[in-house]
């Protein structure tokens, strides 16, 4: 996106309600209204978790679960 903040990913691609592996996931951090966020690649989801591949997750690149209620949007890039 040319910007350093994770939420800048909300302005690219197309929002999807049916994410597939490789789609971008944008999460809020601190609060829904904050400028802070986290971004990663969608791997899978369960009823209450979304699994993302991302950097700086536990100080490493890994697949980690996050609460689905933190998802701002799923973004399809193509």
C-alpha atoms as a PDB file:
ATOM      1  CA  UNK A   1       0.000   0.000   0.000  1.00  0.00           C
ATOM      2  CA  UNK A   2       3.001   2.258   0.342  1.00  0.00           C
ATOM      3  CA  UNK A   3       2.088   2.975   3.966  1.00  0.00           C
ATOM      4  CA  UNK A   4       3.389   1.465   7.185  1.00  0.00           C
ATOM      5  CA  UNK A   5       0.108   0.985   9.062  1.00  0.00           C
ATOM      6  CA  UNK A   6      -1.791  -2.299   8.816  1.00  0.00           C
ATOM      7  CA  UNK A   7      -5.145  -0.603   8.302  1.00  0.00           C
ATOM      8  CA  UNK A   8      -3.923   0.839   5.006  1.00  0.00           C
ATOM      9  CA  UNK A   9      -4.712  -2.612   3.586  1.00  0.00           C
ATOM     10  CA  UNK A  10      -8.399  -1.744   3.952  1.00  0.00           C
ATOM     11  CA  UNK A  11      -8.050   0.494   0.870  1.00  0.00           C
ATOM     12  CA  UNK A  12      -6.752  -2.108  -1.591  1.00  0.00           C
ATOM     13  CA  UNK A  13      -8.308  -5.104  -3.295  1.00  0.00           C
ATOM     14  CA  UNK A  14     -11.914  -6.170  -2.867  1.00  0.00           C
ATOM     15  CA  UNK A  15     -13.691  -6.969   0.393  1.00  0.00           C
ATOM     16  CA  UNK A  16     -14.857 -10.576   0.607  1.00  0.00           C
ATOM     17  CA  UNK A  17     -17.113 -12.358   3.077  1.00  0.00           C
ATOM     18  CA  UNK A  18     -15.812 -15.760   1.983  1.00  0.00           C
ATOM     19  CA  UNK A  19     -12.040 -15.623   2.493  1.00  0.00           C
ATOM     20  CA  UNK A  20      -9.788 -18.164   0.851  1.00  0.00           C
ATOM     21  CA  UNK A  21      -6.213 -19.089   1.800  1.00  0.00           C
ATOM     22  CA  UNK A  22      -3.918 -16.241   0.784  1.00  0.00           C
ATOM     23  CA  UNK A  23      -6.496 -13.463   1.156  1.00  0.00           C
ATOM     24  CA  UNK A  24      -5.476 -10.570   3.407  1.00  0.00           C
ATOM     25  CA  UNK A  25      -6.952 -10.258   6.911  1.00  0.00           C
ATOM     26  CA  UNK A  26      -6.985  -6.863   8.625  1.00  0.00           C
ATOM     27  CA  UNK A  27      -7.488  -6.828  12.406  1.00  0.00           C
ATOM     28  CA  UNK A  28      -8.006  -3.979  14.848  1.00  0.00           C
ATOM     29  CA  UNK A  29      -5.607  -3.592  17.751  1.00  0.00           C
ATOM     30  CA  UNK A  30      -6.166  -1.619  20.976  1.00  0.00           C
ATOM     31  CA  UNK A  31      -9.723  -0.689  19.927  1.00  0.00           C
ATOM     32  CA  UNK A  32     -11.941  -0.783  16.858  1.00  0.00           C
ATOM     33  CA  UNK A  33     -11.589   2.998  16.481  1.00  0.00           C
ATOM     34  CA  UNK A  34      -7.813   3.080  16.923  1.00  0.00           C
ATOM     35  CA  UNK A  35      -5.428   3.622  14.006  1.00  0.00           C
ATOM     36  CA  UNK A  36      -3.574   0.509  15.166  1.00  0.00           C
ATOM     37  CA  UNK A  37      -4.021  -2.841  13.490  1.00  0.00           C
ATOM     38  CA  UNK A  38      -2.458  -6.084  12.373  1.00  0.00           C
ATOM     39  CA  UNK A  39      -2.427  -7.680   8.943  1.00  0.00           C
ATOM     40  CA  UNK A  40      -1.661 -11.164   7.674  1.00  0.00           C
ATOM     41  CA  UNK A  41      -2.654 -13.827   5.182  1.00  0.00           C
ATOM     42  CA  UNK A  42      -5.769 -15.929   5.753  1.00  0.00           C
ATOM     43  CA  UNK A  43      -5.085 -19.623   6.363  1.00  0.00           C
ATOM     44  CA  UNK A  44      -8.343 -20.945   7.839  1.00  0.00           C
ATOM     45  CA  UNK A  45     -11.095 -20.147  10.310  1.00  0.00           C
ATOM     46  CA  UNK A  46     -13.072 -21.872  12.999  1.00  0.00           C
ATOM     47  CA  UNK A  47     -16.276 -20.719  14.646  1.00  0.00           C
ATOM     48  CA  UNK A  48     -14.506 -18.089  16.761  1.00  0.00           C
ATOM     49  CA  UNK A  49     -10.905 -17.936  15.473  1.00  0.00           C
ATOM     50  CA  UNK A  50      -9.171 -16.842  12.298  1.00  0.00           C
ATOM     51  CA  UNK A  51      -5.723 -18.300  11.581  1.00  0.00           C
ATOM     52  CA  UNK A  52      -3.273 -15.956   9.879  1.00  0.00           C
ATOM     53  CA  UNK A  53       0.239 -16.238   8.505  1.00  0.00           C
ATOM     54  CA  UNK A  54       2.029 -13.069   9.430  1.00  0.00           C
ATOM     55  CA  UNK A  55       5.155 -11.425  10.667  1.00  0.00           C
ATOM     56  CA  UNK A  56       5.733 -10.139  14.161  1.00  0.00           C
ATOM     57  CA  UNK A  57       3.398 -12.709  15.650  1.00  0.00           C
ATOM     58  CA  UNK A  58       5.164 -13.792  18.811  1.00  0.00           C
ATOM     59  CA  UNK A  59       8.336 -12.138  17.440  1.00  0.00           C
ATOM     60  CA  UNK A  60       8.434 -14.477  14.461  1.00  0.00           C
ATOM     61  CA  UNK A  61       6.773 -15.314  11.175  1.00  0.00           C
ATOM     62  CA  UNK A  62       4.182 -17.951  11.971  1.00  0.00           C
ATOM     63  CA  UNK A  63       0.569 -19.036  11.706  1.00  0.00           C
ATOM     64  CA  UNK A  64      -1.335 -17.788  14.745  1.00  0.00           C
ATOM     65  CA  UNK A  65      -5.016 -17.718  15.809  1.00  0.00           C
ATOM     66  CA  UNK A  66      -6.872 -14.474  16.525  1.00  0.00           C
ATOM     67  CA  UNK A  67     -10.413 -13.845  17.751  1.00  0.00           C
ATOM     68  CA  UNK A  68     -12.752 -13.383  14.789  1.00  0.00           C
ATOM     69  CA  UNK A  69     -14.397 -10.423  16.513  1.00  0.00           C
ATOM     70  CA  UNK A  70     -11.159  -8.476  15.831  1.00  0.00           C
ATOM     71  CA  UNK A  71     -11.471  -8.827  12.041  1.00  0.00           C
ATOM     72  CA  UNK A  72     -12.115  -5.516  10.274  1.00  0.00           C
ATOM     73  CA  UNK A  73     -12.235  -7.077   6.800  1.00  0.00           C
ATOM     74  CA  UNK A  74     -11.054  -9.872   4.584  1.00  0.00           C
ATOM     75  CA  UNK A  75      -9.474  -8.560   1.368  1.00  0.00           C
ATOM     76  CA  UNK A  76      -9.125 -10.411  -1.940  1.00  0.00           C
ATOM     77  CA  UNK A  77      -6.224  -9.038  -3.953  1.00  0.00           C
ATOM     78  CA  UNK A  78      -7.081 -10.575  -7.328  1.00  0.00           C
END
